[in-house]
């Protein structure tokens, strides 16, 4: 307690030098927590949206399906077995059939992914109920991004051309019955959704599918011959890698800020030891051991981080709270990145994040403060009282 009181008194006596160190360290605190909060919020939102909109509890892929190889699409479909159909009827699975096609909005040819899905499915929040229309044309829905790119509106008609399982080209009119908004760009960019029974009919793939999406409650329902189950860890790989990459960028900023802060504290400690040699000698002469004096100066340096954390809490907590409530609006064009990202990201702060950041800065500051303080152990008390430098 005596060392803490002396350290606090000495820091307050330094005035401007202490305040400058505290301000720089508090900025480091605030930026580290803000950056991690943004990434955590983005990660949580992206995972939640992807699970709810696209992957459910996991997906069964046809053994030939590779989303990154368009040449596999023609062979990526298989017959749904009776056991699998029972799981679909029970609501544990919902099938999706994928094929390539071309549409001609305003006479322009555009390649799209034509996807069939059951309008009555309840496993995904994709608004497929809008496809349940009794019209002469094929009812179709698209995302806002596609609607903007193709200049299509609800009620518009557009020609779609495809090649069926026998290699025969055919074409028909579809009508845009709904335009939905989603943060999951893989469901939107270049994708046209129609009822699966109609896609199976025009492709001559009766009772076939490319993907089987499982419910969040059931997850994997066991092995299905000809199909490979993909769990959340695999399906969320892109999101996980993107967050890790952004975390590395944030870590570089953290290292730069911490380096500047630690350099300021190191210089402060060196100058303090140089100017306070008589005080050091007096402490030793009054009975303090050199180890205790080293601990005193180390505590002084470490206390910078404690005071900086308090200062950061005073002006930073309201700012972080306001952003957690109002969110951070992403700049225009981010929805074209091909990643699941919301227009507004709400940071996610946790006690572990704040405590971990505080502990990390405290440990780093303590180490940096101890390094120059070791010089005291080599000083002779008599020389220190006279102010002689060894």
Protein backbone atom coordinates (compact mmCIF):
# COMPACT_ATOMS: atom_id res chain seq x y z
CA UNK A 1 0.00 0.00 0.00
CA UNK A 2 2.88 2.37 0.77
CA UNK A 3 4.33 1.76 -2.69
CA UNK A 4 0.97 2.45 -4.31
CA UNK A 5 0.52 5.69 -2.39
CA UNK A 6 4.04 6.87 -3.23
CA UNK A 7 3.59 5.91 -6.90
CA UNK A 8 0.29 7.77 -7.13
CA UNK A 9 1.75 10.85 -5.44
CA UNK A 10 4.75 10.88 -7.78
CA UNK A 11 2.54 10.51 -10.87
CA UNK A 12 0.29 13.36 -9.81
CA UNK A 13 3.38 15.44 -9.14
CA UNK A 14 4.58 14.91 -12.71
CA UNK A 15 1.37 16.63 -13.95
CA UNK A 16 1.60 17.21 -17.71
CA UNK A 17 3.92 14.29 -18.39
CA UNK A 18 1.53 11.91 -16.60
CA UNK A 19 -1.53 13.31 -18.37
CA UNK A 20 0.08 12.98 -21.80
CA UNK A 21 0.92 9.33 -21.14
CA UNK A 22 -2.58 8.68 -19.82
CA UNK A 23 -4.23 10.28 -22.85
CA UNK A 24 -2.14 8.32 -25.35
CA UNK A 25 -2.79 5.05 -23.48
CA UNK A 26 -6.51 5.78 -23.18
CA UNK A 27 -6.69 6.26 -26.97
CA UNK A 28 -5.03 2.86 -27.37
CA UNK A 29 -7.58 1.33 -24.98
CA UNK A 30 -10.50 2.86 -26.81
CA UNK A 31 -9.38 1.98 -30.34
CA UNK A 32 -8.52 -1.62 -29.43
CA UNK A 33 -11.90 -2.21 -27.79
CA UNK A 34 -13.78 -0.42 -30.57
CA UNK A 35 -12.01 -2.37 -33.31
CA UNK A 36 -12.59 -5.73 -31.64
CA UNK A 37 -16.19 -4.79 -30.89
CA UNK A 38 -16.86 -3.98 -34.55
CA UNK A 39 -15.31 -7.27 -35.69
CA UNK A 40 -17.22 -9.25 -33.05
CA UNK A 41 -20.46 -7.57 -34.06
CA UNK A 42 -19.84 -8.21 -37.74
CA UNK A 43 -18.94 -11.83 -37.03
CA UNK A 44 -22.07 -12.45 -34.97
CA UNK A 45 -24.38 -10.73 -37.46
CA UNK A 46 -22.84 -12.48 -40.47
CA UNK A 47 -23.05 -15.91 -38.84
CA UNK A 48 -26.61 -15.38 -37.69
CA UNK A 49 -27.80 -14.09 -41.08
CA UNK A 50 -26.03 -16.85 -43.02
CA UNK A 51 -27.48 -19.56 -40.79
CA UNK A 52 -31.01 -18.16 -40.87
CA UNK A 53 -31.09 -17.32 -44.58
CA UNK A 54 -28.90 -19.93 -46.26
CA UNK A 55 -27.42 -22.88 -44.39
CA UNK A 56 -29.84 -23.69 -41.56
CA UNK A 57 -28.41 -26.47 -39.41
CA UNK A 58 -26.05 -27.57 -42.21
CA UNK A 59 -26.31 -28.72 -45.81
CA UNK A 60 -26.08 -31.99 -47.70
CA UNK A 61 -24.31 -31.39 -51.01
CA UNK A 62 -24.58 -33.71 -53.96
CA UNK A 63 -21.26 -35.51 -54.24
CA UNK A 64 -20.44 -33.74 -57.54
CA UNK A 65 -21.40 -30.24 -56.38
CA UNK A 66 -18.69 -27.59 -56.18
CA UNK A 67 -19.97 -24.01 -55.86
CA UNK A 68 -16.65 -22.64 -57.12
CA UNK A 69 -16.67 -24.75 -60.29
CA UNK A 70 -19.58 -23.87 -62.62
CA UNK A 71 -18.74 -26.84 -64.85
CA UNK A 72 -19.93 -29.21 -62.11
CA UNK A 73 -23.44 -27.72 -61.98
CA UNK A 74 -24.81 -29.86 -64.83
CA UNK A 75 -23.81 -33.04 -63.00
CA UNK A 76 -24.65 -31.82 -59.49
CA UNK A 77 -28.11 -33.25 -59.02
CA UNK A 78 -29.38 -36.50 -57.62
CA UNK A 79 -32.61 -38.35 -56.99
CA UNK A 80 -34.21 -37.84 -53.60
CA UNK A 81 -34.69 -41.22 -51.90
CA UNK A 82 -37.87 -42.24 -50.07
CA UNK A 83 -36.16 -41.92 -46.67
CA UNK A 84 -34.91 -38.45 -47.56
CA UNK A 85 -38.37 -37.49 -48.82
CA UNK A 86 -39.80 -38.54 -45.46
CA UNK A 87 -37.33 -36.22 -43.71
CA UNK A 88 -38.43 -33.44 -46.07
CA UNK A 89 -42.09 -34.11 -45.28
CA UNK A 90 -41.30 -33.98 -41.55
CA UNK A 91 -39.64 -30.59 -41.93
CA UNK A 92 -36.09 -31.77 -41.20
CA UNK A 93 -34.81 -31.02 -44.71
CA UNK A 94 -35.69 -28.76 -47.61
CA UNK A 95 -34.31 -29.41 -51.13
CA UNK A 96 -32.79 -26.85 -53.48
CA UNK A 97 -32.14 -27.53 -57.17
CA UNK A 98 -29.52 -25.41 -58.93
CA UNK A 99 -29.00 -24.96 -62.66
CA UNK A 100 -27.44 -22.42 -64.96
CA UNK A 101 -29.56 -20.19 -67.16
CA UNK A 102 -29.63 -16.91 -69.02
CA UNK A 103 -32.14 -14.08 -68.78
CA UNK A 104 -32.72 -11.23 -71.22
CA UNK A 105 -33.75 -8.06 -69.37
CA UNK A 106 -34.29 -5.25 -71.90
CA UNK A 107 -32.66 -7.43 -74.56
CA UNK A 108 -29.42 -7.81 -72.61
CA UNK A 109 -28.15 -11.32 -71.92
CA UNK A 110 -27.27 -12.04 -68.30
CA UNK A 111 -26.04 -15.35 -66.90
CA UNK A 112 -27.83 -16.34 -63.70
CA UNK A 113 -28.06 -19.18 -61.25
CA UNK A 114 -31.59 -20.54 -61.49
CA UNK A 115 -32.55 -22.06 -58.16
CA UNK A 116 -35.65 -24.00 -57.25
CA UNK A 117 -36.98 -24.14 -53.70
CA UNK A 118 -40.19 -25.27 -52.05
CA UNK A 119 -42.48 -22.23 -51.52
CA UNK A 120 -43.84 -23.87 -48.35
CA UNK A 121 -40.45 -24.43 -46.66
CA UNK A 122 -40.03 -23.07 -43.13
CA UNK A 123 -36.36 -23.86 -42.43
CA UNK A 124 -34.97 -20.65 -43.91
CA UNK A 125 -36.19 -17.07 -43.55
CA UNK A 126 -35.94 -16.69 -47.32
CA UNK A 127 -39.42 -15.37 -48.25
CA UNK A 128 -40.29 -18.31 -50.50
CA UNK A 129 -44.01 -18.05 -49.72
CA UNK A 130 -44.16 -15.29 -52.33
CA UNK A 131 -43.51 -17.94 -55.02
CA UNK A 132 -46.84 -19.59 -54.30
CA UNK A 133 -48.62 -17.79 -57.14
CA UNK A 134 -51.17 -19.20 -59.57
CA UNK A 135 -50.08 -17.46 -62.77
CA UNK A 136 -49.45 -18.56 -66.34
CA UNK A 137 -45.77 -17.62 -66.23
CA UNK A 138 -43.19 -19.04 -63.86
CA UNK A 139 -43.23 -16.98 -60.63
CA UNK A 140 -39.77 -15.77 -59.67
CA UNK A 141 -38.18 -13.67 -56.99
CA UNK A 142 -34.81 -11.93 -56.88
CA UNK A 143 -32.79 -9.88 -54.40
CA UNK A 144 -32.46 -6.12 -54.39
CA UNK A 145 -28.92 -6.23 -55.81
CA UNK A 146 -30.02 -8.32 -58.79
CA UNK A 147 -33.10 -6.16 -59.30
CA UNK A 148 -30.89 -3.09 -59.43
CA UNK A 149 -28.35 -4.67 -61.78
CA UNK A 150 -30.98 -6.06 -64.14
CA UNK A 151 -33.31 -3.05 -63.78
CA UNK A 152 -36.27 -5.25 -62.90
CA UNK A 153 -39.29 -4.46 -60.73
CA UNK A 154 -42.13 -6.47 -59.26
CA UNK A 155 -44.54 -7.43 -62.05
CA UNK A 156 -41.91 -7.32 -64.82
CA UNK A 157 -41.66 -10.16 -67.31
CA UNK A 158 -38.34 -11.46 -68.54
CA UNK A 159 -37.31 -14.33 -70.78
CA UNK A 160 -35.21 -17.09 -69.27
CA UNK A 161 -33.36 -19.70 -71.33
CA UNK A 162 -31.92 -22.95 -70.00
CA UNK A 163 -30.54 -26.28 -71.15
CA UNK A 164 -32.25 -29.32 -69.69
CA UNK A 165 -30.73 -32.61 -68.57
CA UNK A 166 -30.73 -33.90 -72.16
CA UNK A 167 -28.81 -30.87 -73.46
CA UNK A 168 -31.86 -29.33 -75.18
CA UNK A 169 -32.23 -25.55 -74.99
CA UNK A 170 -35.61 -24.09 -74.13
CA UNK A 171 -36.97 -20.73 -73.02
CA UNK A 172 -39.98 -19.34 -71.19
CA UNK A 173 -41.28 -16.17 -69.61
CA UNK A 174 -40.94 -15.63 -65.87
CA UNK A 175 -42.64 -12.94 -63.83
CA UNK A 176 -40.94 -11.15 -60.96
CA UNK A 177 -43.41 -11.56 -58.10
CA UNK A 178 -41.19 -10.42 -55.24
CA UNK A 179 -37.94 -8.57 -54.56
CA UNK A 180 -36.37 -9.35 -51.20
CA UNK A 181 -33.63 -7.70 -49.19
CA UNK A 182 -30.91 -9.77 -47.54
CA UNK A 183 -27.40 -9.33 -46.14
CA UNK A 184 -26.37 -12.71 -47.58
CA UNK A 185 -25.11 -11.75 -51.04
CA UNK A 186 -24.79 -15.37 -52.24
CA UNK A 187 -28.59 -15.59 -52.29
CA UNK A 188 -28.91 -12.39 -54.27
CA UNK A 189 -26.12 -11.65 -56.75
CA UNK A 190 -27.03 -13.28 -60.04
CA UNK A 191 -29.62 -15.63 -58.48
CA UNK A 192 -33.22 -16.16 -59.60
CA UNK A 193 -35.52 -18.20 -57.34
CA UNK A 194 -38.49 -20.19 -58.66
CA UNK A 195 -40.63 -23.06 -57.26
CA UNK A 196 -38.59 -26.28 -57.21
CA UNK A 197 -41.35 -28.38 -58.80
CA UNK A 198 -41.39 -26.09 -61.84
CA UNK A 199 -37.60 -26.10 -62.14
CA UNK A 200 -37.59 -29.89 -61.91
CA UNK A 201 -40.20 -30.01 -64.65
CA UNK A 202 -38.49 -27.73 -67.14
CA UNK A 203 -35.07 -29.31 -66.46
CA UNK A 204 -36.60 -32.82 -66.66
CA UNK A 205 -35.15 -33.64 -63.24
CA UNK A 206 -38.25 -34.93 -61.48
CA UNK A 207 -37.60 -35.59 -57.79
CA UNK A 208 -34.00 -34.38 -57.92
CA UNK A 209 -32.06 -31.74 -55.98
CA UNK A 210 -28.56 -30.28 -55.63
CA UNK A 211 -28.57 -29.27 -51.97
CA UNK A 212 -30.55 -30.48 -48.97
CA UNK A 213 -30.73 -27.87 -46.21
CA UNK A 214 -31.29 -29.28 -42.71
CA UNK A 215 -33.14 -27.54 -39.91
CA UNK A 216 -31.23 -25.83 -37.12
CA UNK A 217 -32.81 -28.19 -34.60
CA UNK A 218 -31.92 -31.44 -36.35
CA UNK A 219 -28.55 -30.59 -37.96
CA UNK A 220 -27.10 -33.75 -39.50
CA UNK A 221 -29.73 -36.50 -39.74
CA UNK A 222 -27.16 -39.14 -40.64
CA UNK A 223 -25.46 -40.38 -43.77
CA UNK A 224 -27.26 -40.09 -47.12
CA UNK A 225 -25.88 -42.11 -50.03
CA UNK A 226 -24.58 -39.82 -52.79
CA UNK A 227 -24.63 -36.74 -50.56
CA UNK A 228 -21.96 -35.13 -48.35
CA UNK A 229 -22.91 -33.28 -45.18
CA UNK A 230 -21.32 -29.85 -44.65
CA UNK A 231 -21.46 -28.46 -41.11
CA UNK A 232 -21.37 -24.88 -39.87
CA UNK A 233 -17.59 -24.88 -39.47
CA UNK A 234 -17.14 -25.64 -43.17
CA UNK A 235 -19.95 -23.46 -44.48
CA UNK A 236 -18.87 -20.43 -42.44
CA UNK A 237 -15.20 -20.69 -43.46
CA UNK A 238 -15.27 -17.55 -45.62
CA UNK A 239 -16.71 -15.45 -42.81
CA UNK A 240 -14.22 -16.85 -40.31
CA UNK A 241 -11.25 -16.19 -42.61
CA UNK A 242 -12.43 -12.67 -43.40
CA UNK A 243 -12.76 -11.82 -39.69
CA UNK A 244 -9.31 -13.29 -39.03
CA UNK A 245 -7.83 -11.20 -41.83
CA UNK A 246 -9.47 -8.05 -40.50
CA UNK A 247 -8.26 -8.94 -37.01
CA UNK A 248 -4.69 -9.05 -38.30
CA UNK A 249 -5.13 -5.55 -39.73
CA UNK A 250 -6.50 -4.37 -36.40
CA UNK A 251 -3.57 -5.99 -34.59
CA UNK A 252 -1.13 -3.97 -36.70
CA UNK A 253 -2.90 -0.77 -35.64
CA UNK A 254 -2.83 -2.00 -32.03
CA UNK A 255 0.92 -2.70 -32.20
CA UNK A 256 1.61 0.79 -33.60
CA UNK A 257 -0.46 2.52 -30.91
CA UNK A 258 1.00 0.39 -28.13
CA UNK A 259 4.53 0.96 -29.41
CA UNK A 260 4.04 4.73 -29.29
CA UNK A 261 2.50 4.52 -25.82
CA UNK A 262 5.19 2.20 -24.46
CA UNK A 263 7.94 4.38 -25.95
CA UNK A 264 6.49 7.40 -24.13
CA UNK A 265 6.33 5.48 -20.83
CA UNK A 266 9.86 4.09 -21.31
CA UNK A 267 11.26 7.57 -21.94
CA UNK A 268 9.34 8.89 -18.95
CA UNK A 269 10.80 6.20 -16.70
CA UNK A 270 14.36 6.79 -17.95
CA UNK A 271 14.04 10.54 -17.42
CA UNK A 272 12.45 10.01 -14.02
CA UNK A 273 15.26 7.76 -12.81
CA UNK A 274 17.87 10.20 -14.16
CA UNK A 275 16.30 13.22 -12.42
CA UNK A 276 15.36 11.49 -9.17
CA UNK A 277 18.64 9.85 -8.21
CA UNK A 278 18.85 11.77 -4.93
CA UNK A 279 15.32 10.67 -4.07
CA UNK A 280 16.27 7.07 -4.83
CA UNK A 281 19.31 7.32 -2.59
CA UNK A 282 17.21 8.88 0.18
CA UNK A 283 14.68 6.03 0.00
CA UNK A 284 17.47 3.50 0.33
CA UNK A 285 19.09 5.43 3.16
CA UNK A 286 15.73 5.45 5.01
CA UNK A 287 15.59 1.66 4.91
CA UNK A 288 14.04 0.71 1.57
CA UNK A 289 15.89 -2.03 -0.27
CA UNK A 290 16.94 -1.55 -3.85
CA UNK A 291 14.39 -4.20 -4.85
CA UNK A 292 11.64 -2.18 -3.17
CA UNK A 293 12.72 0.98 -4.98
CA UNK A 294 12.72 -0.91 -8.29
CA UNK A 295 9.20 -2.14 -7.48
CA UNK A 296 8.14 1.45 -6.67
CA UNK A 297 9.24 2.78 -10.06
CA UNK A 298 7.75 -0.24 -11.81
CA UNK A 299 4.41 0.38 -10.08
CA UNK A 300 4.58 4.03 -11.12
CA UNK A 301 4.87 3.01 -14.76
CA UNK A 302 2.19 0.34 -14.49
CA UNK A 303 -0.17 2.80 -12.81
CA UNK A 304 -0.23 4.77 -16.07
CA UNK A 305 -2.33 1.98 -17.58
CA UNK A 306 -4.73 1.90 -14.61
CA UNK A 307 -5.29 5.65 -14.74
CA UNK A 308 -5.56 5.48 -18.55
CA UNK A 309 -8.26 2.79 -18.25
CA UNK A 310 -10.22 5.03 -15.87
CA UNK A 311 -9.84 7.99 -18.22
CA UNK A 312 -10.88 5.87 -21.21
CA UNK A 313 -13.95 4.71 -19.31
CA UNK A 314 -14.94 8.31 -18.53
CA UNK A 315 -15.05 9.56 -22.12
CA UNK A 316 -15.02 6.26 -24.04
CA UNK A 317 -17.86 4.35 -22.41
CA UNK A 318 -20.56 6.82 -23.59
CA UNK A 319 -19.13 6.82 -27.12
CA UNK A 320 -18.98 3.02 -27.32
CA UNK A 321 -22.49 2.75 -25.87
CA UNK A 322 -23.92 5.16 -28.44
CA UNK A 323 -22.34 3.23 -31.28
CA UNK A 324 -23.54 -0.10 -29.86
CA UNK A 325 -27.09 1.33 -29.89
CA UNK A 326 -26.97 3.21 -33.21
CA UNK A 327 -24.51 0.93 -35.02
CA UNK A 328 -21.87 1.78 -37.59
CA UNK A 329 -23.27 2.40 -41.05
CA UNK A 330 -21.11 0.79 -43.71
CA UNK A 331 -20.10 2.87 -46.73
CA UNK A 332 -21.90 2.47 -50.05
CA UNK A 333 -20.68 -0.43 -52.17
CA UNK A 334 -19.82 -2.84 -49.37
CA UNK A 335 -22.78 -5.04 -50.36
CA UNK A 336 -20.87 -5.82 -53.57
CA UNK A 337 -17.96 -7.43 -51.72
CA UNK A 338 -19.56 -10.84 -52.02
CA UNK A 339 -19.53 -11.26 -48.24
CA UNK A 340 -22.35 -11.39 -45.73
CA UNK A 341 -22.33 -7.89 -44.32
CA UNK A 342 -25.16 -5.73 -43.03
CA UNK A 343 -25.73 -2.09 -43.95
CA UNK A 344 -25.31 -1.25 -40.27
CA UNK A 345 -23.00 -3.21 -37.99
CA UNK A 346 -23.74 -3.18 -34.28
CA UNK A 347 -20.56 -3.62 -32.20
CA UNK A 348 -20.54 -6.42 -29.64
CA UNK A 349 -18.60 -5.62 -26.49
CA UNK A 350 -18.11 -8.09 -23.69
CA UNK A 351 -16.63 -8.10 -20.21
CA UNK A 352 -13.96 -10.50 -21.45
CA UNK A 353 -12.95 -8.06 -24.21
CA UNK A 354 -12.61 -5.10 -21.82
CA UNK A 355 -10.91 -7.12 -19.08
CA UNK A 356 -8.56 -8.83 -21.53
CA UNK A 357 -7.54 -5.54 -23.13
CA UNK A 358 -6.95 -3.94 -19.73
CA UNK A 359 -4.89 -6.89 -18.52
CA UNK A 360 -2.82 -6.97 -21.72
CA UNK A 361 -2.02 -3.26 -21.54
CA UNK A 362 -1.27 -3.51 -17.82
CA UNK A 363 1.18 -6.38 -18.31
CA UNK A 364 2.88 -4.65 -21.25
CA UNK A 365 3.18 -1.38 -19.35
CA UNK A 366 4.59 -3.15 -16.31
CA UNK A 367 7.27 -4.88 -18.38
CA UNK A 368 8.24 -1.65 -20.14
CA UNK A 369 8.41 0.16 -16.79
CA UNK A 370 10.56 -2.54 -15.21
CA UNK A 371 13.22 -2.53 -17.93
CA UNK A 372 14.69 0.93 -17.15
CA UNK A 373 13.99 0.50 -13.42
CA UNK A 374 16.55 -2.32 -13.27
CA UNK A 375 19.25 0.35 -13.42
CA UNK A 376 18.42 1.27 -9.81
CA UNK A 377 19.69 -2.08 -8.56
CA UNK A 378 23.16 -1.21 -9.89
CA UNK A 379 23.32 2.19 -8.17
CA UNK A 380 25.33 2.76 -4.99
CA UNK A 381 23.27 4.59 -2.34
CA UNK A 382 26.05 7.08 -1.60
CA UNK A 383 26.45 7.95 -5.28
CA UNK A 384 22.70 8.22 -5.68
CA UNK A 385 22.45 10.69 -2.76
CA UNK A 386 25.22 12.81 -4.32
CA UNK A 387 23.45 12.61 -7.69
CA UNK A 388 26.31 10.85 -9.43
CA UNK A 389 25.49 8.84 -12.54
CA UNK A 390 27.15 5.47 -13.00
